[in-house]
Amino acid sequence: MDEHGVKHADLASACGVTRPNVGYWLSGSSRPGWRACAIIERLTGGSVTMRDWLTEEDVLAAERARR
């Protein structure tokens, strides 16, 4: 997030989580919830969107659900 001008501590505070949680998100160990995704999108000026957190499996499941 630093490359988007958002410090990990500020992101954690805005999302109501701990700094280690932010580290887990960024390392791919876990993913933020939808509320946190929306906050991240806003704080990065849209550079990091909700869709950026989706896995290929998520996209395929959504496509199957639309059929």
PDB file of N, CA and C in Angstrom:
ATOM      1  N   MET A   1       0.813  -1.201   0.000  1.00  0.00           N
ATOM      2  CA  MET A   1       0.000   0.000   0.000  1.00  0.00           C
ATOM      3  C   MET A   1       0.852   1.258   0.000  1.00  0.00           C
ATOM      4  N   ASP A   2       2.087   1.108   0.449  1.00  0.00           N
ATOM      5  CA  ASP A   2       2.960   2.282   0.492  1.00  0.00           C
ATOM      6  C   ASP A   2       3.107   2.933  -0.879  1.00  0.00           C
ATOM      7  N   GLU A   3       3.133   2.105  -1.941  1.00  0.00           N
ATOM      8  CA  GLU A   3       3.285   2.674  -3.283  1.00  0.00           C
ATOM      9  C   GLU A   3       2.076   3.506  -3.684  1.00  0.00           C
ATOM     10  N   HIS A   4       0.966   3.354  -2.954  1.00  0.00           N
ATOM     11  CA  HIS A   4      -0.245   4.135  -3.221  1.00  0.00           C
ATOM     12  C   HIS A   4      -0.398   5.278  -2.218  1.00  0.00           C
ATOM     13  N   GLY A   5       0.649   5.492  -1.416  1.00  0.00           N
ATOM     14  CA  GLY A   5       0.636   6.583  -0.456  1.00  0.00           C
ATOM     15  C   GLY A   5      -0.160   6.295   0.799  1.00  0.00           C
ATOM     16  N   VAL A   6      -0.413   5.009   1.074  1.00  0.00           N
ATOM     17  CA  VAL A   6      -1.178   4.631   2.261  1.00  0.00           C
ATOM     18  C   VAL A   6      -0.285   3.785   3.163  1.00  0.00           C
ATOM     19  N   LYS A   7      -0.021   4.283   4.358  1.00  0.00           N
ATOM     20  CA  LYS A   7       0.808   3.537   5.309  1.00  0.00           C
ATOM     21  C   LYS A   7      -0.012   2.406   5.928  1.00  0.00           C
ATOM     22  N   HIS A   8       0.664   1.321   6.225  1.00  0.00           N
ATOM     23  CA  HIS A   8      -0.022   0.153   6.784  1.00  0.00           C
ATOM     24  C   HIS A   8      -0.779   0.496   8.068  1.00  0.00           C
ATOM     25  N   ALA A   9      -0.169   1.296   8.922  1.00  0.00           N
ATOM     26  CA  ALA A   9      -0.812   1.671  10.180  1.00  0.00           C
ATOM     27  C   ALA A   9      -2.088   2.475   9.923  1.00  0.00           C
ATOM     28  N   ASP A  10      -2.041   3.381   8.938  1.00  0.00           N
ATOM     29  CA  ASP A  10      -3.221   4.182   8.617  1.00  0.00           C
ATOM     30  C   ASP A  10      -4.330   3.314   8.024  1.00  0.00           C
ATOM     31  N   LEU A  11      -3.935   2.369   7.184  1.00  0.00           N
ATOM     32  CA  LEU A  11      -4.910   1.460   6.595  1.00  0.00           C
ATOM     33  C   LEU A  11      -5.556   0.600   7.671  1.00  0.00           C
ATOM     34  N   ALA A  12      -4.750   0.073   8.573  1.00  0.00           N
ATOM     35  CA  ALA A  12      -5.273  -0.746   9.663  1.00  0.00           C
ATOM     36  C   ALA A  12      -6.271   0.050  10.498  1.00  0.00           C
ATOM     37  N   SER A  13      -5.910   1.277  10.826  1.00  0.00           N
ATOM     38  CA  SER A  13      -6.793   2.134  11.617  1.00  0.00           C
ATOM     39  C   SER A  13      -8.103   2.410  10.887  1.00  0.00           C
ATOM     40  N   ALA A  14      -8.015   2.738   9.611  1.00  0.00           N
ATOM     41  CA  ALA A  14      -9.224   3.044   8.833  1.00  0.00           C
ATOM     42  C   ALA A  14     -10.144   1.835   8.714  1.00  0.00           C
ATOM     43  N   CYS A  15      -9.549   0.639   8.642  1.00  0.00           N
ATOM     44  CA  CYS A  15     -10.342  -0.590   8.472  1.00  0.00           C
ATOM     45  C   CYS A  15     -10.744  -1.220   9.804  1.00  0.00           C
ATOM     46  N   GLY A  16     -10.204  -0.694  10.901  1.00  0.00           N
ATOM     47  CA  GLY A  16     -10.547  -1.239  12.214  1.00  0.00           C
ATOM     48  C   GLY A  16      -9.908  -2.590  12.478  1.00  0.00           C
ATOM     49  N   VAL A  17      -8.702  -2.788  11.943  1.00  0.00           N
ATOM     50  CA  VAL A  17      -7.975  -4.041  12.152  1.00  0.00           C
ATOM     51  C   VAL A  17      -6.578  -3.715  12.653  1.00  0.00           C
ATOM     52  N   THR A  18      -5.805  -4.750  12.940  1.00  0.00           N
ATOM     53  CA  THR A  18      -4.439  -4.551  13.400  1.00  0.00           C
ATOM     54  C   THR A  18      -3.476  -4.489  12.210  1.00  0.00           C
ATOM     55  N   ARG A  19      -2.289  -3.963  12.445  1.00  0.00           N
ATOM     56  CA  ARG A  19      -1.274  -3.919  11.381  1.00  0.00           C
ATOM     57  C   ARG A  19      -0.931  -5.311  10.865  1.00  0.00           C
ATOM     58  N   PRO A  20      -0.840  -6.325  11.749  1.00  0.00           N
ATOM     59  CA  PRO A  20      -0.575  -7.665  11.226  1.00  0.00           C
ATOM     60  C   PRO A  20      -1.648  -8.142  10.238  1.00  0.00           C
ATOM     61  N   ASN A  21      -2.907  -7.765  10.470  1.00  0.00           N
ATOM     62  CA  ASN A  21      -3.963  -8.133   9.520  1.00  0.00           C
ATOM     63  C   ASN A  21      -3.675  -7.569   8.137  1.00  0.00           C
ATOM     64  N   VAL A  22      -3.240  -6.326   8.089  1.00  0.00           N
ATOM     65  CA  VAL A  22      -2.906  -5.704   6.806  1.00  0.00           C
ATOM     66  C   VAL A  22      -1.762  -6.477   6.149  1.00  0.00           C
ATOM     67  N   GLY A  23      -0.781  -6.871   6.937  1.00  0.00           N
ATOM     68  CA  GLY A  23       0.326  -7.666   6.411  1.00  0.00           C
ATOM     69  C   GLY A  23      -0.145  -8.989   5.825  1.00  0.00           C
ATOM     70  N   TYR A  24      -1.112  -9.630   6.483  1.00  0.00           N
ATOM     71  CA  TYR A  24      -1.669 -10.894   5.972  1.00  0.00           C
ATOM     72  C   TYR A  24      -2.360 -10.666   4.632  1.00  0.00           C
ATOM     73  N   TRP A  25      -3.096  -9.571   4.520  1.00  0.00           N
ATOM     74  CA  TRP A  25      -3.779  -9.264   3.256  1.00  0.00           C
ATOM     75  C   TRP A  25      -2.756  -9.081   2.142  1.00  0.00           C
ATOM     76  N   LEU A  26      -1.729  -8.311   2.436  1.00  0.00           N
ATOM     77  CA  LEU A  26      -0.750  -7.974   1.404  1.00  0.00           C
ATOM     78  C   LEU A  26       0.123  -9.161   1.013  1.00  0.00           C
ATOM     79  N   SER A  27       0.294 -10.104   1.935  1.00  0.00           N
ATOM     80  CA  SER A  27       1.088 -11.290   1.622  1.00  0.00           C
ATOM     81  C   SER A  27       0.253 -12.375   0.954  1.00  0.00           C
ATOM     82  N   GLY A  28      -1.081 -12.189   0.980  1.00  0.00           N
ATOM     83  CA  GLY A  28      -1.964 -13.187   0.386  1.00  0.00           C
ATOM     84  C   GLY A  28      -2.382 -14.282   1.341  1.00  0.00           C
ATOM     85  N   SER A  29      -1.981 -14.174   2.607  1.00  0.00           N
ATOM     86  CA  SER A  29      -2.365 -15.176   3.598  1.00  0.00           C
ATOM     87  C   SER A  29      -3.855 -15.132   3.906  1.00  0.00           C
ATOM     88  N   SER A  30      -4.430 -13.949   3.796  1.00  0.00           N
ATOM     89  CA  SER A  30      -5.875 -13.778   3.984  1.00  0.00           C
ATOM     90  C   SER A  30      -6.322 -12.612   3.117  1.00  0.00           C
ATOM     91  N   ARG A  31      -7.610 -12.405   3.071  1.00  0.00           N
ATOM     92  CA  ARG A  31      -8.151 -11.300   2.271  1.00  0.00           C
ATOM     93  C   ARG A  31      -9.031 -10.427   3.152  1.00  0.00           C
ATOM     94  N   PRO A  32      -9.070  -9.130   2.826  1.00  0.00           N
ATOM     95  CA  PRO A  32      -9.946  -8.236   3.586  1.00  0.00           C
ATOM     96  C   PRO A  32     -11.404  -8.522   3.268  1.00  0.00           C
ATOM     97  N   GLY A  33     -12.267  -8.183   4.203  1.00  0.00           N
ATOM     98  CA  GLY A  33     -13.701  -8.278   3.969  1.00  0.00           C
ATOM     99  C   GLY A  33     -14.152  -7.176   3.020  1.00  0.00           C
ATOM    100  N   TRP A  34     -15.406  -7.250   2.614  1.00  0.00           N
ATOM    101  CA  TRP A  34     -15.923  -6.283   1.634  1.00  0.00           C
ATOM    102  C   TRP A  34     -15.863  -4.856   2.145  1.00  0.00           C
ATOM    103  N   ARG A  35     -16.138  -4.644   3.428  1.00  0.00           N
ATOM    104  CA  ARG A  35     -16.076  -3.291   3.990  1.00  0.00           C
ATOM    105  C   ARG A  35     -14.656  -2.740   3.882  1.00  0.00           C
ATOM    106  N   ALA A  36     -13.678  -3.573   4.264  1.00  0.00           N
ATOM    107  CA  ALA A  36     -12.290  -3.149   4.187  1.00  0.00           C
ATOM    108  C   ALA A  36     -11.874  -2.919   2.735  1.00  0.00           C
ATOM    109  N   CYS A  37     -12.351  -3.759   1.819  1.00  0.00           N
ATOM    110  CA  CYS A  37     -12.042  -3.571   0.397  1.00  0.00           C
ATOM    111  C   CYS A  37     -12.526  -2.213  -0.091  1.00  0.00           C
ATOM    112  N   ALA A  38     -13.716  -1.833   0.334  1.00  0.00           N
ATOM    113  CA  ALA A  38     -14.264  -0.536  -0.067  1.00  0.00           C
ATOM    114  C   ALA A  38     -13.418   0.606   0.497  1.00  0.00           C
ATOM    115  N   ILE A  39     -12.959   0.451   1.727  1.00  0.00           N
ATOM    116  CA  ILE A  39     -12.114   1.474   2.343  1.00  0.00           C
ATOM    117  C   ILE A  39     -10.779   1.564   1.603  1.00  0.00           C
ATOM    118  N   ILE A  40     -10.196   0.414   1.274  1.00  0.00           N
ATOM    119  CA  ILE A  40      -8.921   0.387   0.554  1.00  0.00           C
ATOM    120  C   ILE A  40      -9.075   1.064  -0.806  1.00  0.00           C
ATOM    121  N   GLU A  41     -10.162   0.769  -1.487  1.00  0.00           N
ATOM    122  CA  GLU A  41     -10.397   1.385  -2.797  1.00  0.00           C
ATOM    123  C   GLU A  41     -10.470   2.900  -2.677  1.00  0.00           C
ATOM    124  N   ARG A  42     -11.171   3.371  -1.646  1.00  0.00           N
ATOM    125  CA  ARG A  42     -11.297   4.818  -1.443  1.00  0.00           C
ATOM    126  C   ARG A  42      -9.947   5.451  -1.077  1.00  0.00           C
ATOM    127  N   LEU A  43      -9.206   4.814  -0.166  1.00  0.00           N
ATOM    128  CA  LEU A  43      -7.934   5.380   0.287  1.00  0.00           C
ATOM    129  C   LEU A  43      -6.871   5.398  -0.811  1.00  0.00           C
ATOM    130  N   THR A  44      -6.956   4.466  -1.748  1.00  0.00           N
ATOM    131  CA  THR A  44      -5.972   4.422  -2.833  1.00  0.00           C
ATOM    132  C   THR A  44      -6.455   5.162  -4.068  1.00  0.00           C
ATOM    133  N   GLY A  45      -7.554   5.871  -3.944  1.00  0.00           N
ATOM    134  CA  GLY A  45      -8.083   6.627  -5.072  1.00  0.00           C
ATOM    135  C   GLY A  45      -8.489   5.733  -6.235  1.00  0.00           C
ATOM    136  N   GLY A  46      -8.871   4.495  -5.917  1.00  0.00           N
ATOM    137  CA  GLY A  46      -9.324   3.561  -6.943  1.00  0.00           C
ATOM    138  C   GLY A  46      -8.207   2.756  -7.585  1.00  0.00           C
ATOM    139  N   SER A  47      -6.970   2.954  -7.134  1.00  0.00           N
ATOM    140  CA  SER A  47      -5.848   2.188  -7.696  1.00  0.00           C
ATOM    141  C   SER A  47      -5.922   0.717  -7.301  1.00  0.00           C
ATOM    142  N   VAL A  48      -6.456   0.445  -6.111  1.00  0.00           N
ATOM    143  CA  VAL A  48      -6.665  -0.929  -5.648  1.00  0.00           C
ATOM    144  C   VAL A  48      -8.165  -1.088  -5.459  1.00  0.00           C
ATOM    145  N   THR A  49      -8.775  -1.909  -6.309  1.00  0.00           N
ATOM    146  CA  THR A  49     -10.229  -2.074  -6.275  1.00  0.00           C
ATOM    147  C   THR A  49     -10.629  -3.360  -5.578  1.00  0.00           C
ATOM    148  N   MET A  50     -11.915  -3.500  -5.324  1.00  0.00           N
ATOM    149  CA  MET A  50     -12.423  -4.737  -4.724  1.00  0.00           C
ATOM    150  C   MET A  50     -12.064  -5.934  -5.599  1.00  0.00           C
ATOM    151  N   ARG A  51     -12.130  -5.744  -6.885  1.00  0.00           N
ATOM    152  CA  ARG A  51     -11.851  -6.844  -7.817  1.00  0.00           C
ATOM    153  C   ARG A  51     -10.408  -7.343  -7.699  1.00  0.00           C
ATOM    154  N   ASP A  52      -9.494  -6.475  -7.293  1.00  0.00           N
ATOM    155  CA  ASP A  52      -8.093  -6.873  -7.141  1.00  0.00           C
ATOM    156  C   ASP A  52      -7.900  -7.974  -6.093  1.00  0.00           C
ATOM    157  N   TRP A  53      -8.837  -8.098  -5.181  1.00  0.00           N
ATOM    158  CA  TRP A  53      -8.719  -9.087  -4.110  1.00  0.00           C
ATOM    159  C   TRP A  53      -9.332 -10.429  -4.487  1.00  0.00           C
ATOM    160  N   LEU A  54     -10.028 -10.478  -5.618  1.00  0.00           N
ATOM    161  CA  LEU A  54     -10.658 -11.723  -6.035  1.00  0.00           C
ATOM    162  C   LEU A  54      -9.630 -12.698  -6.602  1.00  0.00           C
ATOM    163  N   THR A  55      -9.861 -13.975  -6.341  1.00  0.00           N
ATOM    164  CA  THR A  55      -9.019 -15.006  -6.927  1.00  0.00           C
ATOM    165  C   THR A  55      -9.672 -15.489  -8.218  1.00  0.00           C
ATOM    166  N   GLU A  56      -8.941 -16.229  -8.995  1.00  0.00           N
ATOM    167  CA  GLU A  56      -9.499 -16.820 -10.214  1.00  0.00           C
ATOM    168  C   GLU A  56     -10.693 -17.702  -9.864  1.00  0.00           C
ATOM    169  N   GLU A  57     -10.591 -18.404  -8.749  1.00  0.00           N
ATOM    170  CA  GLU A  57     -11.692 -19.264  -8.289  1.00  0.00           C
ATOM    171  C   GLU A  57     -12.948 -18.440  -8.001  1.00  0.00           C
ATOM    172  N   ASP A  58     -12.777 -17.280  -7.390  1.00  0.00           N
ATOM    173  CA  ASP A  58     -13.916 -16.391  -7.121  1.00  0.00           C
ATOM    174  C   ASP A  58     -14.605 -15.981  -8.418  1.00  0.00           C
ATOM    175  N   VAL A  59     -13.807 -15.619  -9.409  1.00  0.00           N
ATOM    176  CA  VAL A  59     -14.345 -15.167 -10.694  1.00  0.00           C
ATOM    177  C   VAL A  59     -15.096 -16.304 -11.380  1.00  0.00           C
ATOM    178  N   LEU A  60     -14.517 -17.501 -11.373  1.00  0.00           N
ATOM    179  CA  LEU A  60     -15.170 -18.653 -11.989  1.00  0.00           C
ATOM    180  C   LEU A  60     -16.474 -19.002 -11.282  1.00  0.00           C
ATOM    181  N   ALA A  61     -16.474 -18.930  -9.961  1.00  0.00           N
ATOM    182  CA  ALA A  61     -17.689 -19.220  -9.197  1.00  0.00           C
ATOM    183  C   ALA A  61     -18.782 -18.204  -9.514  1.00  0.00           C
ATOM    184  N   ALA A  62     -18.412 -16.956  -9.660  1.00  0.00           N
ATOM    185  CA  ALA A  62     -19.396 -15.922 -10.002  1.00  0.00           C
ATOM    186  C   ALA A  62     -19.964 -16.161 -11.390  1.00  0.00           C
ATOM    187  N   GLU A  63     -19.113 -16.560 -12.315  1.00  0.00           N
ATOM    188  CA  GLU A  63     -19.574 -16.849 -13.674  1.00  0.00           C
ATOM    189  C   GLU A  63     -20.549 -18.031 -13.678  1.00  0.00           C
ATOM    190  N   ARG A  64     -20.229 -19.069 -12.916  1.00  0.00           N
ATOM    191  CA  ARG A  64     -21.121 -20.238 -12.822  1.00  0.00           C
ATOM    192  C   ARG A  64     -22.458 -19.853 -12.207  1.00  0.00           C
ATOM    193  N   ALA A  65     -22.424 -18.973 -11.224  1.00  0.00           N
ATOM    194  CA  ALA A  65     -23.658 -18.573 -10.530  1.00  0.00           C
ATOM    195  C   ALA A  65     -24.576 -17.766 -11.445  1.00  0.00           C
ATOM    196  N   ARG A  66     -24.017 -17.079 -12.418  1.00  0.00           N
ATOM    197  CA  ARG A  66     -24.821 -16.275 -13.343  1.00  0.00           C
ATOM    198  C   ARG A  66     -25.514 -17.118 -14.388  1.00  0.00           C
ATOM    199  N   ARG A  67     -25.083 -18.332 -14.571  1.00  0.00           N
ATOM    200  CA  ARG A  67     -25.673 -19.203 -15.611  1.00  0.00           C
ATOM    201  C   ARG A  67     -26.960 -19.826 -15.174  1.00  0.00           C
TER     202      ARG A  67
END
